[in-house]
């Protein structure tokens, strides 16, 4: 069990670093450096989840979800470039669903390790994170659809902006959860 804690702790640390790189990539926009940061984030996430996969089936499933997210991301770019916007939008919605599933799987698996090791309060924060991700993702999809409705677009723009801010808060909370979880499992703090 102790070895599993170390493996999961190291994996959560890599996921945390991957999330920081993803945030840096988002801030940098469409530059070459942003692309490198995004690629490094993807690679770190895959390495982390493949390391943790033997310790819990949710980590294994999260690894598979990450592969699907990469495939969907590539498909979405190709569909957009070829003018198949309707299919590209469906790919974006599928990415949102899989993104929520990914956060749920990671937070739940990490939460089970934390609970077993006496960190139930920290595990509960993981539940808050994935529920916030779920609510924000559902709201964002609904508000994006409202953007297509005439006369409601102005209100929908503000709702999308508000939801984007909530999603940013959720991403920060996810990073804080990963940071605290890996510290608890590796260092007992």
Protein backbone atom coordinates (compact mmCIF):
# COMPACT_ATOMS: atom_id res chain seq x y z
CA UNK A 1 0.00 0.00 0.00
CA UNK A 2 2.82 2.41 0.83
CA UNK A 3 4.35 1.89 -2.61
CA UNK A 4 0.99 2.64 -4.24
CA UNK A 5 0.83 5.90 -2.28
CA UNK A 6 4.26 6.88 -3.61
CA UNK A 7 3.32 6.00 -7.18
CA UNK A 8 0.04 7.91 -6.97
CA UNK A 9 1.75 10.86 -5.26
CA UNK A 10 4.39 11.04 -8.01
CA UNK A 11 1.69 10.71 -10.66
CA UNK A 12 -0.38 13.51 -9.13
CA UNK A 13 2.74 15.67 -9.04
CA UNK A 14 3.24 15.10 -12.78
CA UNK A 15 -0.44 15.87 -13.40
CA UNK A 16 -0.03 19.10 -11.43
CA UNK A 17 2.98 20.11 -13.52
CA UNK A 18 1.04 19.17 -16.65
CA UNK A 19 -1.84 21.43 -15.60
CA UNK A 20 0.57 24.31 -15.03
CA UNK A 21 2.01 23.77 -18.52
CA UNK A 22 -1.52 23.69 -19.97
CA UNK A 23 -2.28 27.00 -18.25
CA UNK A 24 0.96 28.52 -19.59
CA UNK A 25 0.02 27.28 -23.05
CA UNK A 26 -3.40 28.93 -22.80
CA UNK A 27 -1.86 32.22 -21.71
CA UNK A 28 0.70 32.19 -24.53
CA UNK A 29 -1.99 31.81 -27.20
CA UNK A 30 -1.03 30.52 -30.64
CA UNK A 31 2.74 30.86 -30.41
CA UNK A 32 5.23 28.07 -31.01
CA UNK A 33 6.14 28.13 -27.33
CA UNK A 34 2.47 27.60 -26.45
CA UNK A 35 2.40 24.56 -28.72
CA UNK A 36 5.46 23.12 -26.99
CA UNK A 37 3.96 23.74 -23.55
CA UNK A 38 0.72 22.08 -24.64
CA UNK A 39 2.57 19.07 -26.05
CA UNK A 40 4.64 18.75 -22.87
CA UNK A 41 1.42 18.90 -20.83
CA UNK A 42 -0.14 16.10 -22.87
CA UNK A 43 2.96 13.93 -22.54
CA UNK A 44 3.21 14.51 -18.78
CA UNK A 45 -0.47 13.65 -18.31
CA UNK A 46 -0.08 10.41 -20.26
CA UNK A 47 3.07 9.45 -18.34
CA UNK A 48 1.42 10.26 -14.99
CA UNK A 49 -1.71 8.28 -15.73
CA UNK A 50 0.20 5.31 -17.14
CA UNK A 51 2.28 5.25 -13.93
CA UNK A 52 -0.84 5.38 -11.75
CA UNK A 53 -2.92 2.98 -13.88
CA UNK A 54 -1.86 -0.18 -12.00
CA UNK A 55 -2.90 1.32 -8.64
CA UNK A 56 -6.56 2.08 -9.44
CA UNK A 57 -8.89 1.31 -12.37
CA UNK A 58 -10.02 4.95 -12.54
CA UNK A 59 -6.47 6.04 -13.36
CA UNK A 60 -6.39 3.43 -16.14
CA UNK A 61 -9.69 4.73 -17.50
CA UNK A 62 -8.43 8.33 -17.23
CA UNK A 63 -5.42 7.32 -19.33
CA UNK A 64 -7.78 5.98 -22.01
CA UNK A 65 -9.91 9.13 -21.79
CA UNK A 66 -6.79 11.25 -22.34
CA UNK A 67 -6.00 9.27 -25.49
CA UNK A 68 -9.57 9.89 -26.69
CA UNK A 69 -9.20 13.61 -25.90
CA UNK A 70 -6.08 13.80 -28.05
CA UNK A 71 -7.84 12.03 -30.94
CA UNK A 72 -10.89 14.31 -30.60
CA UNK A 73 -8.67 17.40 -30.50
CA UNK A 74 -6.97 16.41 -33.74
CA UNK A 75 -10.34 15.54 -35.32
CA UNK A 76 -11.78 18.88 -34.24
CA UNK A 77 -8.91 20.79 -35.89
CA UNK A 78 -9.25 18.77 -39.11
CA UNK A 79 -13.03 19.21 -39.17
CA UNK A 80 -12.68 22.95 -38.61
CA UNK A 81 -10.05 23.33 -41.35
CA UNK A 82 -12.16 21.37 -43.83
CA UNK A 83 -15.24 23.48 -43.14
CA UNK A 84 -17.26 20.83 -41.33
CA UNK A 85 -18.21 23.21 -38.56
CA UNK A 86 -21.23 21.26 -37.29
CA UNK A 87 -19.10 18.15 -36.75
CA UNK A 88 -16.34 20.28 -35.21
CA UNK A 89 -18.86 21.63 -32.70
CA UNK A 90 -19.90 18.08 -31.83
CA UNK A 91 -16.23 17.23 -31.30
CA UNK A 92 -15.88 20.20 -28.94
CA UNK A 93 -18.93 19.05 -26.95
CA UNK A 94 -17.50 15.52 -26.79
CA UNK A 95 -14.19 16.98 -25.58
CA UNK A 96 -16.04 18.86 -22.81
CA UNK A 97 -17.81 15.66 -21.71
CA UNK A 98 -14.56 13.67 -21.71
CA UNK A 99 -12.77 16.51 -19.90
CA UNK A 100 -15.29 16.35 -17.07
CA UNK A 101 -15.01 12.56 -17.00
CA UNK A 102 -11.22 12.87 -16.82
CA UNK A 103 -11.34 15.24 -13.83
CA UNK A 104 -13.94 13.05 -12.14
CA UNK A 105 -11.85 9.90 -12.55
CA UNK A 106 -8.65 11.53 -11.30
CA UNK A 107 -10.27 13.31 -8.35
CA UNK A 108 -12.22 10.20 -7.33
CA UNK A 109 -9.25 7.81 -7.53
CA UNK A 110 -6.97 10.27 -5.73
CA UNK A 111 -9.74 10.87 -3.19
CA UNK A 112 -9.93 7.18 -2.37
CA UNK A 113 -6.19 7.06 -1.71
CA UNK A 114 -6.43 10.21 0.40
CA UNK A 115 -9.36 8.85 2.43
CA UNK A 116 -7.59 5.58 3.18
CA UNK A 117 -4.59 7.58 4.41
CA UNK A 118 -6.63 9.82 6.71
CA UNK A 119 -7.11 12.83 4.44
CA UNK A 120 -10.90 12.68 4.04
CA UNK A 121 -11.26 16.48 4.12
CA UNK A 122 -8.85 16.82 1.21
CA UNK A 123 -10.67 14.02 -0.65
CA UNK A 124 -13.91 15.98 -0.20
CA UNK A 125 -12.30 18.95 -1.94
CA UNK A 126 -11.72 16.72 -4.94
CA UNK A 127 -15.46 16.01 -5.04
CA UNK A 128 -16.15 19.75 -5.04
CA UNK A 129 -13.71 20.20 -7.94
CA UNK A 130 -15.25 17.61 -10.24
CA UNK A 131 -18.78 18.78 -9.43
CA UNK A 132 -17.78 22.36 -10.26
CA UNK A 133 -16.28 21.11 -13.54
CA UNK A 134 -19.52 19.27 -14.32
CA UNK A 135 -21.78 22.24 -13.58
CA UNK A 136 -19.60 24.67 -15.54
CA UNK A 137 -19.31 22.36 -18.53
CA UNK A 138 -23.07 21.78 -18.74
CA UNK A 139 -23.71 25.51 -18.34
CA UNK A 140 -21.15 26.36 -21.01
CA UNK A 141 -22.69 23.97 -23.54
CA UNK A 142 -26.19 25.36 -22.85
CA UNK A 143 -25.02 28.97 -23.10
CA UNK A 144 -23.08 28.28 -26.30
CA UNK A 145 -26.28 26.90 -27.82
CA UNK A 146 -28.11 30.04 -26.64
CA UNK A 147 -25.59 32.08 -28.64
CA UNK A 148 -27.26 30.68 -31.75
CA UNK A 149 -30.70 32.00 -30.74
CA UNK A 150 -31.50 35.51 -32.02
CA UNK A 151 -32.36 38.15 -29.41
CA UNK A 152 -30.90 35.99 -26.62
CA UNK A 153 -27.34 36.35 -27.85
CA UNK A 154 -26.52 39.43 -25.80
CA UNK A 155 -27.54 37.76 -22.54
CA UNK A 156 -25.82 34.51 -23.60
CA UNK A 157 -22.52 36.35 -24.14
CA UNK A 158 -22.50 37.50 -20.52
CA UNK A 159 -23.47 34.03 -19.34
CA UNK A 160 -20.63 32.50 -21.36
CA UNK A 161 -18.16 35.00 -19.89
CA UNK A 162 -19.37 34.32 -16.35
CA UNK A 163 -19.14 30.58 -16.90
CA UNK A 164 -15.64 30.95 -18.34
CA UNK A 165 -14.59 32.75 -15.16
CA UNK A 166 -16.13 29.96 -13.06
CA UNK A 167 -14.26 27.40 -15.18
CA UNK A 168 -11.02 29.29 -14.53
CA UNK A 169 -11.72 29.10 -10.80
CA UNK A 170 -12.41 25.39 -11.23
CA UNK A 171 -9.09 24.89 -13.02
CA UNK A 172 -7.26 26.68 -10.21
CA UNK A 173 -9.06 24.57 -7.60
CA UNK A 174 -8.12 21.44 -9.55
CA UNK A 175 -4.47 22.46 -9.54
CA UNK A 176 -4.63 23.22 -5.80
CA UNK A 177 -6.24 19.82 -5.20
CA UNK A 178 -3.52 18.03 -7.21
CA UNK A 179 -0.82 19.96 -5.35
CA UNK A 180 -2.26 19.22 -1.90
CA UNK A 181 -2.99 15.59 -2.79
CA UNK A 182 0.51 14.82 -4.00
CA UNK A 183 1.99 16.56 -0.95
CA UNK A 184 -0.24 14.51 1.36
CA UNK A 185 0.66 11.21 -0.30
CA UNK A 186 4.39 11.88 -0.75
CA UNK A 187 5.23 13.95 2.28
CA UNK A 188 2.37 13.39 4.72
CA UNK A 189 1.44 17.06 4.74
